Amino acid sequence: MALKVRVTQDRSFSRTIHLDGRLDHDSVAVLDSELDKLGDQPVEVLIYDLAGAEYISSAGLRSIFAARKAGPEQFRRLVLMNAQPPVQKVLDLIKAVDLAAVFGSVEELDRHLDAIQRKVVDGSSI
């Protein structure tokens, strides 16, 4: 499924990025384009609603977290919410491990993230 991105402004101090589909190397440009449209608008909180995100790769993770590093005046806080089990498993992994110390390449990391997400979807134990 292609990635669909929708940005909403529910409060004056925040923007919510709604993701629907797969956030991977092939679709990350869609998210980056929407983030670029936010331009220099100061936003206190950038919220990613992951309810519709069915898959995330290292390219997707880089894009999400690069927005936070865009500058202290642009996005001060980053919130990820409503992650489905496969994506939540990946988020749990990145909180628990220094990925650069564990994986020798981005390709190796992506193979591992893909395997984790497939196991969660298939109902296999990790």
PDB file of N, CA and C in Angstrom:
ATOM      1  N   MET A   1       0.842  -1.180   0.000  1.00  0.00           N
ATOM      2  CA  MET A   1       0.000   0.000   0.000  1.00  0.00           C
ATOM      3  C   MET A   1       0.884   1.239   0.000  1.00  0.00           C
ATOM      4  N   ALA A   2       0.557   2.191  -0.830  1.00  0.00           N
ATOM      5  CA  ALA A   2       1.283   3.456  -0.879  1.00  0.00           C
ATOM      6  C   ALA A   2       1.037   4.240   0.403  1.00  0.00           C
ATOM      7  N   LEU A   3       1.947   5.102   0.709  1.00  0.00           N
ATOM      8  CA  LEU A   3       1.822   5.928   1.903  1.00  0.00           C
ATOM      9  C   LEU A   3       0.954   7.139   1.619  1.00  0.00           C
ATOM     10  N   LYS A   4       0.009   7.386   2.513  1.00  0.00           N
ATOM     11  CA  LYS A   4      -0.791   8.599   2.469  1.00  0.00           C
ATOM     12  C   LYS A   4      -0.473   9.387   3.730  1.00  0.00           C
ATOM     13  N   VAL A   5      -0.269  10.676   3.562  1.00  0.00           N
ATOM     14  CA  VAL A   5       0.077  11.558   4.679  1.00  0.00           C
ATOM     15  C   VAL A   5      -0.919  12.712   4.697  1.00  0.00           C
ATOM     16  N   ARG A   6      -1.453  12.959   5.881  1.00  0.00           N
ATOM     17  CA  ARG A   6      -2.382  14.076   6.056  1.00  0.00           C
ATOM     18  C   ARG A   6      -1.925  14.851   7.284  1.00  0.00           C
ATOM     19  N   VAL A   7      -1.891  16.172   7.180  1.00  0.00           N
ATOM     20  CA  VAL A   7      -1.470  17.022   8.289  1.00  0.00           C
ATOM     21  C   VAL A   7      -2.678  17.807   8.779  1.00  0.00           C
ATOM     22  N   THR A   8      -2.892  17.767  10.092  1.00  0.00           N
ATOM     23  CA  THR A   8      -3.979  18.547  10.682  1.00  0.00           C
ATOM     24  C   THR A   8      -3.430  19.457  11.772  1.00  0.00           C
ATOM     25  N   GLN A   9      -4.171  20.508  12.027  1.00  0.00           N
ATOM     26  CA  GLN A   9      -3.825  21.430  13.109  1.00  0.00           C
ATOM     27  C   GLN A   9      -5.010  21.459  14.065  1.00  0.00           C
ATOM     28  N   ASP A  10      -4.920  20.670  15.117  1.00  0.00           N
ATOM     29  CA  ASP A  10      -5.993  20.597  16.103  1.00  0.00           C
ATOM     30  C   ASP A  10      -5.866  21.689  17.157  1.00  0.00           C
ATOM     31  N   ARG A  11      -4.645  22.130  17.394  1.00  0.00           N
ATOM     32  CA  ARG A  11      -4.372  23.170  18.377  1.00  0.00           C
ATOM     33  C   ARG A  11      -3.380  24.151  17.757  1.00  0.00           C
ATOM     34  N   SER A  12      -3.344  25.345  18.276  1.00  0.00           N
ATOM     35  CA  SER A  12      -2.456  26.355  17.697  1.00  0.00           C
ATOM     36  C   SER A  12      -0.979  25.990  17.844  1.00  0.00           C
ATOM     37  N   PHE A  13      -0.651  25.200  18.851  1.00  0.00           N
ATOM     38  CA  PHE A  13       0.758  24.887  19.133  1.00  0.00           C
ATOM     39  C   PHE A  13       1.219  23.546  18.570  1.00  0.00           C
ATOM     40  N   SER A  14       0.336  22.820  17.859  1.00  0.00           N
ATOM     41  CA  SER A  14       0.734  21.495  17.385  1.00  0.00           C
ATOM     42  C   SER A  14       0.228  21.219  15.975  1.00  0.00           C
ATOM     43  N   ARG A  15       0.880  20.267  15.334  1.00  0.00           N
ATOM     44  CA  ARG A  15       0.437  19.712  14.062  1.00  0.00           C
ATOM     45  C   ARG A  15       0.448  18.202  14.235  1.00  0.00           C
ATOM     46  N   THR A  16      -0.530  17.537  13.637  1.00  0.00           N
ATOM     47  CA  THR A  16      -0.577  16.084  13.672  1.00  0.00           C
ATOM     48  C   THR A  16      -0.358  15.562  12.261  1.00  0.00           C
ATOM     49  N   ILE A  17       0.599  14.659  12.134  1.00  0.00           N
ATOM     50  CA  ILE A  17       0.906  13.997  10.873  1.00  0.00           C
ATOM     51  C   ILE A  17       0.259  12.621  10.930  1.00  0.00           C
ATOM     52  N   HIS A  18      -0.753  12.393  10.127  1.00  0.00           N
ATOM     53  CA  HIS A  18      -1.451  11.099  10.084  1.00  0.00           C
ATOM     54  C   HIS A  18      -0.828  10.270   8.961  1.00  0.00           C
ATOM     55  N   LEU A  19      -0.317   9.096   9.310  1.00  0.00           N
ATOM     56  CA  LEU A  19       0.311   8.218   8.327  1.00  0.00           C
ATOM     57  C   LEU A  19      -0.588   7.014   8.065  1.00  0.00           C
ATOM     58  N   ASP A  20      -0.743   6.677   6.797  1.00  0.00           N
ATOM     59  CA  ASP A  20      -1.560   5.538   6.402  1.00  0.00           C
ATOM     60  C   ASP A  20      -0.808   4.760   5.322  1.00  0.00           C
ATOM     61  N   GLY A  21      -0.387   3.541   5.646  1.00  0.00           N
ATOM     62  CA  GLY A  21       0.342   2.711   4.690  1.00  0.00           C
ATOM     63  C   GLY A  21       1.733   2.364   5.185  1.00  0.00           C
ATOM     64  N   ARG A  22       2.619   2.131   4.232  1.00  0.00           N
ATOM     65  CA  ARG A  22       3.994   1.721   4.522  1.00  0.00           C
ATOM     66  C   ARG A  22       4.932   2.918   4.431  1.00  0.00           C
ATOM     67  N   LEU A  23       5.677   3.136   5.504  1.00  0.00           N
ATOM     68  CA  LEU A  23       6.682   4.193   5.514  1.00  0.00           C
ATOM     69  C   LEU A  23       8.042   3.518   5.353  1.00  0.00           C
ATOM     70  N   ASP A  24       8.532   3.512   4.117  1.00  0.00           N
ATOM     71  CA  ASP A  24       9.788   2.834   3.814  1.00  0.00           C
ATOM     72  C   ASP A  24      10.598   3.670   2.831  1.00  0.00           C
ATOM     73  N   HIS A  25      11.666   3.089   2.329  1.00  0.00           N
ATOM     74  CA  HIS A  25      12.567   3.801   1.423  1.00  0.00           C
ATOM     75  C   HIS A  25      11.824   4.353   0.202  1.00  0.00           C
ATOM     76  N   ASP A  26      10.857   3.605  -0.308  1.00  0.00           N
ATOM     77  CA  ASP A  26      10.135   4.015  -1.509  1.00  0.00           C
ATOM     78  C   ASP A  26       9.121   5.123  -1.251  1.00  0.00           C
ATOM     79  N   SER A  27       8.647   5.259  -0.025  1.00  0.00           N
ATOM     80  CA  SER A  27       7.574   6.220   0.248  1.00  0.00           C
ATOM     81  C   SER A  27       7.986   7.377   1.156  1.00  0.00           C
ATOM     82  N   VAL A  28       9.188   7.364   1.670  1.00  0.00           N
ATOM     83  CA  VAL A  28       9.603   8.375   2.636  1.00  0.00           C
ATOM     84  C   VAL A  28       9.567   9.788   2.039  1.00  0.00           C
ATOM     85  N   ALA A  29       9.731   9.913   0.744  1.00  0.00           N
ATOM     86  CA  ALA A  29       9.689  11.236   0.103  1.00  0.00           C
ATOM     87  C   ALA A  29       8.314  11.889   0.269  1.00  0.00           C
ATOM     88  N   VAL A  30       7.260  11.079   0.357  1.00  0.00           N
ATOM     89  CA  VAL A  30       5.910  11.614   0.558  1.00  0.00           C
ATOM     90  C   VAL A  30       5.839  12.322   1.911  1.00  0.00           C
ATOM     91  N   LEU A  31       6.361  11.664   2.951  1.00  0.00           N
ATOM     92  CA  LEU A  31       6.379  12.274   4.279  1.00  0.00           C
ATOM     93  C   LEU A  31       7.282  13.506   4.293  1.00  0.00           C
ATOM     94  N   ASP A  32       8.464  13.393   3.727  1.00  0.00           N
ATOM     95  CA  ASP A  32       9.397  14.519   3.718  1.00  0.00           C
ATOM     96  C   ASP A  32       8.793  15.736   3.020  1.00  0.00           C
ATOM     97  N   SER A  33       8.057  15.507   1.945  1.00  0.00           N
ATOM     98  CA  SER A  33       7.408  16.594   1.229  1.00  0.00           C
ATOM     99  C   SER A  33       6.384  17.311   2.110  1.00  0.00           C
ATOM    100  N   GLU A  34       5.605  16.545   2.856  1.00  0.00           N
ATOM    101  CA  GLU A  34       4.615  17.154   3.749  1.00  0.00           C
ATOM    102  C   GLU A  34       5.287  17.917   4.885  1.00  0.00           C
ATOM    103  N   LEU A  35       6.386  17.387   5.397  1.00  0.00           N
ATOM    104  CA  LEU A  35       7.120  18.090   6.452  1.00  0.00           C
ATOM    105  C   LEU A  35       7.705  19.394   5.912  1.00  0.00           C
ATOM    106  N   ASP A  36       8.185  19.361   4.678  1.00  0.00           N
ATOM    107  CA  ASP A  36       8.730  20.578   4.069  1.00  0.00           C
ATOM    108  C   ASP A  36       7.661  21.658   3.936  1.00  0.00           C
ATOM    109  N   LYS A  37       6.424  21.251   3.700  1.00  0.00           N
ATOM    110  CA  LYS A  37       5.329  22.218   3.559  1.00  0.00           C
ATOM    111  C   LYS A  37       5.059  22.967   4.862  1.00  0.00           C
ATOM    112  N   LEU A  38       5.455  22.361   5.980  1.00  0.00           N
ATOM    113  CA  LEU A  38       5.280  23.057   7.254  1.00  0.00           C
ATOM    114  C   LEU A  38       6.211  24.255   7.343  1.00  0.00           C
ATOM    115  N   GLY A  39       7.267  24.199   6.535  1.00  0.00           N
ATOM    116  CA  GLY A  39       8.180  25.336   6.425  1.00  0.00           C
ATOM    117  C   GLY A  39       8.735  25.792   7.747  1.00  0.00           C
ATOM    118  N   ASP A  40       8.734  27.081   7.935  1.00  0.00           N
ATOM    119  CA  ASP A  40       9.304  27.675   9.133  1.00  0.00           C
ATOM    120  C   ASP A  40       8.251  27.974  10.188  1.00  0.00           C
ATOM    121  N   GLN A  41       7.091  27.369  10.061  1.00  0.00           N
ATOM    122  CA  GLN A  41       6.047  27.585  11.057  1.00  0.00           C
ATOM    123  C   GLN A  41       6.519  27.053  12.402  1.00  0.00           C
ATOM    124  N   PRO A  42       6.621  27.902  13.416  1.00  0.00           N
ATOM    125  CA  PRO A  42       7.001  27.372  14.722  1.00  0.00           C
ATOM    126  C   PRO A  42       5.875  26.496  15.264  1.00  0.00           C
ATOM    127  N   VAL A  43       6.235  25.290  15.610  1.00  0.00           N
ATOM    128  CA  VAL A  43       5.271  24.326  16.149  1.00  0.00           C
ATOM    129  C   VAL A  43       5.864  23.768  17.435  1.00  0.00           C
ATOM    130  N   GLU A  44       5.150  23.905  18.511  1.00  0.00           N
ATOM    131  CA  GLU A  44       5.631  23.405  19.797  1.00  0.00           C
ATOM    132  C   GLU A  44       5.703  21.880  19.802  1.00  0.00           C
ATOM    133  N   VAL A  45       4.651  21.224  19.274  1.00  0.00           N
ATOM    134  CA  VAL A  45       4.566  19.760  19.322  1.00  0.00           C
ATOM    135  C   VAL A  45       4.224  19.229  17.933  1.00  0.00           C
ATOM    136  N   LEU A  46       5.021  18.297  17.456  1.00  0.00           N
ATOM    137  CA  LEU A  46       4.750  17.588  16.210  1.00  0.00           C
ATOM    138  C   LEU A  46       4.315  16.180  16.591  1.00  0.00           C
ATOM    139  N   ILE A  47       3.082  15.843  16.249  1.00  0.00           N
ATOM    140  CA  ILE A  47       2.497  14.554  16.632  1.00  0.00           C
ATOM    141  C   ILE A  47       2.409  13.667  15.398  1.00  0.00           C
ATOM    142  N   TYR A  48       2.897  12.446  15.513  1.00  0.00           N
ATOM    143  CA  TYR A  48       2.728  11.453  14.454  1.00  0.00           C
ATOM    144  C   TYR A  48       1.650  10.482  14.914  1.00  0.00           C
ATOM    145  N   ASP A  49       0.537  10.463  14.191  1.00  0.00           N
ATOM    146  CA  ASP A  49      -0.515   9.486  14.464  1.00  0.00           C
ATOM    147  C   ASP A  49      -0.244   8.286  13.565  1.00  0.00           C
ATOM    148  N   LEU A  50       0.174   7.188  14.177  1.00  0.00           N
ATOM    149  CA  LEU A  50       0.609   5.999  13.449  1.00  0.00           C
ATOM    150  C   LEU A  50      -0.480   4.936  13.335  1.00  0.00           C
ATOM    151  N   ALA A  51      -1.727   5.305  13.589  1.00  0.00           N
ATOM    152  CA  ALA A  51      -2.819   4.331  13.570  1.00  0.00           C
ATOM    153  C   ALA A  51      -2.916   3.602  12.236  1.00  0.00           C
ATOM    154  N   GLY A  52      -2.643   4.284  11.142  1.00  0.00           N
ATOM    155  CA  GLY A  52      -2.738   3.659   9.825  1.00  0.00           C
ATOM    156  C   GLY A  52      -1.415   3.183   9.265  1.00  0.00           C
ATOM    157  N   ALA A  53      -0.336   3.395  10.003  1.00  0.00           N
ATOM    158  CA  ALA A  53       0.988   2.956   9.536  1.00  0.00           C
ATOM    159  C   ALA A  53       1.120   1.461   9.768  1.00  0.00           C
ATOM    160  N   GLU A  54       1.264   0.724   8.688  1.00  0.00           N
ATOM    161  CA  GLU A  54       1.334  -0.731   8.819  1.00  0.00           C
ATOM    162  C   GLU A  54       2.761  -1.268   8.816  1.00  0.00           C
ATOM    163  N   TYR A  55       3.733  -0.420   8.459  1.00  0.00           N
ATOM    164  CA  TYR A  55       5.118  -0.869   8.352  1.00  0.00           C
ATOM    165  C   TYR A  55       6.014   0.359   8.413  1.00  0.00           C
ATOM    166  N   ILE A  56       7.213   0.184   8.995  1.00  0.00           N
ATOM    167  CA  ILE A  56       8.180   1.278   9.022  1.00  0.00           C
ATOM    168  C   ILE A  56       9.583   0.697   8.872  1.00  0.00           C
ATOM    169  N   SER A  57      10.371   1.347   8.026  1.00  0.00           N
ATOM    170  CA  SER A  57      11.763   0.923   7.827  1.00  0.00           C
ATOM    171  C   SER A  57      12.694   1.947   8.465  1.00  0.00           C
ATOM    172  N   SER A  58      13.993   1.705   8.354  1.00  0.00           N
ATOM    173  CA  SER A  58      14.953   2.652   8.923  1.00  0.00           C
ATOM    174  C   SER A  58      14.860   4.006   8.225  1.00  0.00           C
ATOM    175  N   ALA A  59      14.521   4.025   6.934  1.00  0.00           N
ATOM    176  CA  ALA A  59      14.354   5.299   6.228  1.00  0.00           C
ATOM    177  C   ALA A  59      13.194   6.085   6.833  1.00  0.00           C
ATOM    178  N   GLY A  60      12.123   5.396   7.170  1.00  0.00           N
ATOM    179  CA  GLY A  60      10.983   6.047   7.811  1.00  0.00           C
ATOM    180  C   GLY A  60      11.334   6.581   9.179  1.00  0.00           C
ATOM    181  N   LEU A  61      12.081   5.801   9.947  1.00  0.00           N
ATOM    182  CA  LEU A  61      12.515   6.251  11.271  1.00  0.00           C
ATOM    183  C   LEU A  61      13.387   7.492  11.159  1.00  0.00           C
ATOM    184  N   ARG A  62      14.315   7.481  10.201  1.00  0.00           N
ATOM    185  CA  ARG A  62      15.197   8.646  10.012  1.00  0.00           C
ATOM    186  C   ARG A  62      14.383   9.891   9.691  1.00  0.00           C
ATOM    187  N   SER A  63      13.384   9.749   8.830  1.00  0.00           N
ATOM    188  CA  SER A  63      12.568  10.896   8.456  1.00  0.00           C
ATOM    189  C   SER A  63      11.794  11.446   9.649  1.00  0.00           C
ATOM    190  N   ILE A  64      11.210  10.559  10.422  1.00  0.00           N
ATOM    191  CA  ILE A  64      10.447  10.984  11.601  1.00  0.00           C
ATOM    192  C   ILE A  64      11.340  11.746  12.573  1.00  0.00           C
ATOM    193  N   PHE A  65      12.482  11.180  12.891  1.00  0.00           N
ATOM    194  CA  PHE A  65      13.337  11.795  13.896  1.00  0.00           C
ATOM    195  C   PHE A  65      14.158  12.960  13.347  1.00  0.00           C
ATOM    196  N   ALA A  66      14.352  13.023  12.038  1.00  0.00           N
ATOM    197  CA  ALA A  66      15.046  14.171  11.444  1.00  0.00           C
ATOM    198  C   ALA A  66      14.213  15.436  11.607  1.00  0.00           C
ATOM    199  N   ALA A  67      12.898  15.293  11.588  1.00  0.00           N
ATOM    200  CA  ALA A  67      12.028  16.461  11.784  1.00  0.00           C
ATOM    201  C   ALA A  67      12.292  17.093  13.143  1.00  0.00           C
ATOM    202  N   ARG A  68      12.533  16.286  14.140  1.00  0.00           N
ATOM    203  CA  ARG A  68      12.814  16.797  15.484  1.00  0.00           C
ATOM    204  C   ARG A  68      14.129  17.566  15.517  1.00  0.00           C
ATOM    205  N   LYS A  69      15.082  17.125  14.711  1.00  0.00           N
ATOM    206  CA  LYS A  69      16.398  17.755  14.700  1.00  0.00           C
ATOM    207  C   LYS A  69      16.465  18.936  13.743  1.00  0.00           C
ATOM    208  N   ALA A  70      15.335  19.251  13.097  1.00  0.00           N
ATOM    209  CA  ALA A  70      15.319  20.335  12.104  1.00  0.00           C
ATOM    210  C   ALA A  70      15.723  21.663  12.720  1.00  0.00           C
ATOM    211  N   GLY A  71      15.477  21.819  13.985  1.00  0.00           N
ATOM    212  CA  GLY A  71      15.875  23.047  14.654  1.00  0.00           C
ATOM    213  C   GLY A  71      15.060  23.245  15.905  1.00  0.00           C
ATOM    214  N   PRO A  72      15.661  23.796  16.927  1.00  0.00           N
ATOM    215  CA  PRO A  72      14.960  23.937  18.202  1.00  0.00           C
ATOM    216  C   PRO A  72      13.752  24.858  18.122  1.00  0.00           C
ATOM    217  N   GLU A  73      13.743  25.756  17.143  1.00  0.00           N
ATOM    218  CA  GLU A  73      12.612  26.670  17.026  1.00  0.00           C
ATOM    219  C   GLU A  73      11.453  26.061  16.242  1.00  0.00           C
ATOM    220  N   GLN A  74      11.716  25.031  15.447  1.00  0.00           N
ATOM    221  CA  GLN A  74      10.654  24.501  14.601  1.00  0.00           C
ATOM    222  C   GLN A  74       9.767  23.498  15.335  1.00  0.00           C
ATOM    223  N   PHE A  75      10.322  22.394  15.766  1.00  0.00           N
ATOM    224  CA  PHE A  75       9.538  21.359  16.453  1.00  0.00           C
ATOM    225  C   PHE A  75      10.223  21.050  17.779  1.00  0.00           C
ATOM    226  N   ARG A  76       9.659  21.526  18.845  1.00  0.00           N
ATOM    227  CA  ARG A  76      10.307  21.360  20.154  1.00  0.00           C
ATOM    228  C   ARG A  76      10.085  19.983  20.749  1.00  0.00           C
ATOM    229  N   ARG A  77       8.905  19.415  20.519  1.00  0.00           N
ATOM    230  CA  ARG A  77       8.613  18.075  21.056  1.00  0.00           C
ATOM    231  C   ARG A  77       8.046  17.214  19.950  1.00  0.00           C
ATOM    232  N   LEU A  78       8.360  15.945  20.019  1.00  0.00           N
ATOM    233  CA  LEU A  78       7.894  14.970  19.044  1.00  0.00           C
ATOM    234  C   LEU A  78       7.123  13.900  19.800  1.00  0.00           C
ATOM    235  N   VAL A  79       5.919  13.586  19.333  1.00  0.00           N
ATOM    236  CA  VAL A  79       5.085  12.576  19.978  1.00  0.00           C
ATOM    237  C   VAL A  79       4.685  11.551  18.929  1.00  0.00           C
ATOM    238  N   LEU A  80       4.845  10.271  19.260  1.00  0.00           N
ATOM    239  CA  LEU A  80       4.383   9.177  18.406  1.00  0.00           C
ATOM    240  C   LEU A  80       3.227   8.507  19.138  1.00  0.00           C
ATOM    241  N   MET A  81       2.092   8.326  18.441  1.00  0.00           N
ATOM    242  CA  MET A  81       0.936   7.727  19.115  1.00  0.00           C
ATOM    243  C   MET A  81       0.208   6.768  18.195  1.00  0.00           C
ATOM    244  N   ASN A  82      -0.568   5.891  18.806  1.00  0.00           N
ATOM    245  CA  ASN A  82      -1.432   4.930  18.116  1.00  0.00           C
ATOM    246  C   ASN A  82      -0.691   3.953  17.217  1.00  0.00           C
ATOM    247  N   ALA A  83       0.525   3.577  17.588  1.00  0.00           N
ATOM    248  CA  ALA A  83       1.286   2.628  16.772  1.00  0.00           C
ATOM    249  C   ALA A  83       0.642   1.247  16.835  1.00  0.00           C
ATOM    250  N   GLN A  84       0.476   0.640  15.671  1.00  0.00           N
ATOM    251  CA  GLN A  84      -0.035  -0.719  15.583  1.00  0.00           C
ATOM    252  C   GLN A  84       1.070  -1.685  16.016  1.00  0.00           C
ATOM    253  N   PRO A  85       0.724  -2.925  16.397  1.00  0.00           N
ATOM    254  CA  PRO A  85       1.725  -3.847  16.971  1.00  0.00           C
ATOM    255  C   PRO A  85       3.022  -4.000  16.176  1.00  0.00           C
ATOM    256  N   PRO A  86       3.012  -4.161  14.845  1.00  0.00           N
ATOM    257  CA  PRO A  86       4.307  -4.304  14.152  1.00  0.00           C
ATOM    258  C   PRO A  86       5.181  -3.060  14.284  1.00  0.00           C
ATOM    259  N   VAL A  87       4.581  -1.896  14.148  1.00  0.00           N
ATOM    260  CA  VAL A  87       5.338  -0.646  14.247  1.00  0.00           C
ATOM    261  C   VAL A  87       5.753  -0.398  15.698  1.00  0.00           C
ATOM    262  N   GLN A  88       4.885  -0.719  16.648  1.00  0.00           N
ATOM    263  CA  GLN A  88       5.228  -0.561  18.063  1.00  0.00           C
ATOM    264  C   GLN A  88       6.432  -1.415  18.428  1.00  0.00           C
ATOM    265  N   LYS A  89       6.506  -2.610  17.858  1.00  0.00           N
ATOM    266  CA  LYS A  89       7.646  -3.494  18.132  1.00  0.00           C
ATOM    267  C   LYS A  89       8.950  -2.832  17.671  1.00  0.00           C
ATOM    268  N   VAL A  90       8.921  -2.181  16.517  1.00  0.00           N
ATOM    269  CA  VAL A  90      10.102  -1.478  16.015  1.00  0.00           C
ATOM    270  C   VAL A  90      10.446  -0.306  16.932  1.00  0.00           C
ATOM    271  N   LEU A  91       9.431   0.448  17.348  1.00  0.00           N
ATOM    272  CA  LEU A  91       9.689   1.581  18.251  1.00  0.00           C
ATOM    273  C   LEU A  91      10.261   1.103  19.580  1.00  0.00           C
ATOM    274  N   ASP A  92       9.773  -0.014  20.085  1.00  0.00           N
ATOM    275  CA  ASP A  92      10.325  -0.583  21.320  1.00  0.00           C
ATOM    276  C   ASP A  92      11.785  -0.956  21.127  1.00  0.00           C
ATOM    277  N   LEU A  93      12.105  -1.522  19.979  1.00  0.00           N
ATOM    278  CA  LEU A  93      13.479  -1.928  19.690  1.00  0.00           C
ATOM    279  C   LEU A  93      14.412  -0.729  19.656  1.00  0.00           C
ATOM    280  N   ILE A  94      14.009   0.350  19.002  1.00  0.00           N
ATOM    281  CA  ILE A  94      14.920   1.487  18.889  1.00  0.00           C
ATOM    282  C   ILE A  94      15.109   2.197  20.222  1.00  0.00           C
ATOM    283  N   LYS A  95      14.159   2.069  21.141  1.00  0.00           N
ATOM    284  CA  LYS A  95      14.343   2.657  22.475  1.00  0.00           C
ATOM    285  C   LYS A  95      15.311   1.830  23.303  1.00  0.00           C
ATOM    286  N   ALA A  96      15.364   0.536  23.039  1.00  0.00           N
ATOM    287  CA  ALA A  96      16.128  -0.371  23.890  1.00  0.00           C
ATOM    288  C   ALA A  96      17.561  -0.597  23.421  1.00  0.00           C
ATOM    289  N   VAL A  97      17.871  -0.258  22.175  1.00  0.00           N
ATOM    290  CA  VAL A  97      19.148  -0.655  21.595  1.00  0.00           C
ATOM    291  C   VAL A  97      19.796   0.520  20.877  1.00  0.00           C
ATOM    292  N   ASP A  98      21.118   0.595  20.966  1.00  0.00           N
ATOM    293  CA  ASP A  98      21.876   1.515  20.131  1.00  0.00           C
ATOM    294  C   ASP A  98      22.039   0.827  18.783  1.00  0.00           C
ATOM    295  N   LEU A  99      21.163   1.165  17.830  1.00  0.00           N
ATOM    296  CA  LEU A  99      21.121   0.453  16.556  1.00  0.00           C
ATOM    297  C   LEU A  99      22.439   0.508  15.804  1.00  0.00           C
ATOM    298  N   ALA A 100      23.145   1.611  15.890  1.00  0.00           N
ATOM    299  CA  ALA A 100      24.423   1.736  15.181  1.00  0.00           C
ATOM    300  C   ALA A 100      25.441   0.739  15.721  1.00  0.00           C
ATOM    301  N   ALA A 101      25.332   0.382  16.982  1.00  0.00           N
ATOM    302  CA  ALA A 101      26.281  -0.552  17.580  1.00  0.00           C
ATOM    303  C   ALA A 101      25.932  -2.005  17.273  1.00  0.00           C
ATOM    304  N   VAL A 102      24.699  -2.257  16.877  1.00  0.00           N
ATOM    305  CA  VAL A 102      24.242  -3.633  16.682  1.00  0.00           C
ATOM    306  C   VAL A 102      24.279  -4.052  15.217  1.00  0.00           C
ATOM    307  N   PHE A 103      23.958  -3.148  14.304  1.00  0.00           N
ATOM    308  CA  PHE A 103      23.833  -3.503  12.900  1.00  0.00           C
ATOM    309  C   PHE A 103      24.965  -2.887  12.090  1.00  0.00           C
ATOM    310  N   GLY A 104      25.517  -3.676  11.200  1.00  0.00           N
ATOM    311  CA  GLY A 104      26.653  -3.233  10.401  1.00  0.00           C
ATOM    312  C   GLY A 104      26.284  -2.339   9.239  1.00  0.00           C
ATOM    313  N   SER A 105      25.007  -2.364   8.818  1.00  0.00           N
ATOM    314  CA  SER A 105      24.592  -1.546   7.681  1.00  0.00           C
ATOM    315  C   SER A 105      23.096  -1.250   7.781  1.00  0.00           C
ATOM    316  N   VAL A 106      22.674  -0.282   7.003  1.00  0.00           N
ATOM    317  CA  VAL A 106      21.251   0.052   6.945  1.00  0.00           C
ATOM    318  C   VAL A 106      20.474  -1.139   6.378  1.00  0.00           C
ATOM    319  N   GLU A 107      21.043  -1.816   5.403  1.00  0.00           N
ATOM    320  CA  GLU A 107      20.379  -2.971   4.800  1.00  0.00           C
ATOM    321  C   GLU A 107      20.144  -4.071   5.840  1.00  0.00           C
ATOM    322  N   GLU A 108      21.154  -4.314   6.672  1.00  0.00           N
ATOM    323  CA  GLU A 108      21.023  -5.317   7.727  1.00  0.00           C
ATOM    324  C   GLU A 108      19.931  -4.914   8.724  1.00  0.00           C
ATOM    325  N   LEU A 109      19.917  -3.649   9.102  1.00  0.00           N
ATOM    326  CA  LEU A 109      18.879  -3.141   9.999  1.00  0.00           C
ATOM    327  C   LEU A 109      17.502  -3.318   9.378  1.00  0.00           C
ATOM    328  N   ASP A 110      17.341  -2.944   8.108  1.00  0.00           N
ATOM    329  CA  ASP A 110      16.040  -3.062   7.449  1.00  0.00           C
ATOM    330  C   ASP A 110      15.584  -4.517   7.359  1.00  0.00           C
ATOM    331  N   ARG A 111      16.501  -5.442   7.103  1.00  0.00           N
ATOM    332  CA  ARG A 111      16.120  -6.874   7.084  1.00  0.00           C
ATOM    333  C   ARG A 111      15.602  -7.293   8.452  1.00  0.00           C
ATOM    334  N   HIS A 112      16.262  -6.816   9.504  1.00  0.00           N
ATOM    335  CA  HIS A 112      15.843  -7.161  10.862  1.00  0.00           C
ATOM    336  C   HIS A 112      14.474  -6.542  11.182  1.00  0.00           C
ATOM    337  N   LEU A 113      14.278  -5.270  10.852  1.00  0.00           N
ATOM    338  CA  LEU A 113      12.996  -4.615  11.109  1.00  0.00           C
ATOM    339  C   LEU A 113      11.870  -5.288  10.326  1.00  0.00           C
ATOM    340  N   ASP A 114      12.165  -5.686   9.092  1.00  0.00           N
ATOM    341  CA  ASP A 114      11.175  -6.377   8.270  1.00  0.00           C
ATOM    342  C   ASP A 114      10.783  -7.709   8.907  1.00  0.00           C
ATOM    343  N   ALA A 115      11.765  -8.459   9.370  1.00  0.00           N
ATOM    344  CA  ALA A 115      11.487  -9.756  10.004  1.00  0.00           C
ATOM    345  C   ALA A 115      10.658  -9.587  11.274  1.00  0.00           C
ATOM    346  N   ILE A 116      10.981  -8.597  12.078  1.00  0.00           N
ATOM    347  CA  ILE A 116      10.225  -8.340  13.308  1.00  0.00           C
ATOM    348  C   ILE A 116       8.768  -8.032  12.989  1.00  0.00           C
ATOM    349  N   GLN A 117       8.555  -7.160  12.038  1.00  0.00           N
ATOM    350  CA  GLN A 117       7.188  -6.749  11.719  1.00  0.00           C
ATOM    351  C   GLN A 117       6.390  -7.885  11.101  1.00  0.00           C
ATOM    352  N   ARG A 118       7.037  -8.710  10.277  1.00  0.00           N
ATOM    353  CA  ARG A 118       6.337  -9.873   9.708  1.00  0.00           C
ATOM    354  C   ARG A 118       5.928 -10.849  10.797  1.00  0.00           C
ATOM    355  N   LYS A 119       6.785 -11.080  11.774  1.00  0.00           N
ATOM    356  CA  LYS A 119       6.463 -12.006  12.861  1.00  0.00           C
ATOM    357  C   LYS A 119       5.281 -11.509  13.673  1.00  0.00           C
ATOM    358  N   VAL A 120       5.235 -10.211  13.922  1.00  0.00           N
ATOM    359  CA  VAL A 120       4.122  -9.656  14.688  1.00  0.00           C
ATOM    360  C   VAL A 120       2.823  -9.803  13.910  1.00  0.00           C
ATOM    361  N   VAL A 121       2.855  -9.513  12.622  1.00  0.00           N
ATOM    362  CA  VAL A 121       1.662  -9.644  11.785  1.00  0.00           C
ATOM    363  C   VAL A 121       1.212 -11.094  11.692  1.00  0.00           C
ATOM    364  N   ASP A 122       2.175 -12.014  11.541  1.00  0.00           N
ATOM    365  CA  ASP A 122       1.855 -13.440  11.419  1.00  0.00           C
ATOM    366  C   ASP A 122       1.468 -14.076  12.739  1.00  0.00           C
ATOM    367  N   GLY A 123       1.715 -13.381  13.852  1.00  0.00           N
ATOM    368  CA  GLY A 123       1.390 -13.931  15.155  1.00  0.00           C
ATOM    369  C   GLY A 123       2.458 -14.836  15.733  1.00  0.00           C
ATOM    370  N   SER A 124       3.628 -14.825  15.121  1.00  0.00           N
ATOM    371  CA  SER A 124       4.739 -15.622  15.626  1.00  0.00           C
ATOM    372  C   SER A 124       5.337 -14.934  16.841  1.00  0.00           C
ATOM    373  N   SER A 125       6.007 -15.692  17.661  1.00  0.00           N
ATOM    374  CA  SER A 125       6.700 -15.071  18.795  1.00  0.00           C
ATOM    375  C   SER A 125       8.010 -14.492  18.322  1.00  0.00           C
ATOM    376  N   ILE A 126       8.441 -13.484  19.004  1.00  0.00           N
ATOM    377  CA  ILE A 126       9.703 -12.822  18.639  1.00  0.00           C
ATOM    378  C   ILE A 126      10.821 -13.389  19.470  1.00  0.00           C
TER     379      ILE A 126
END
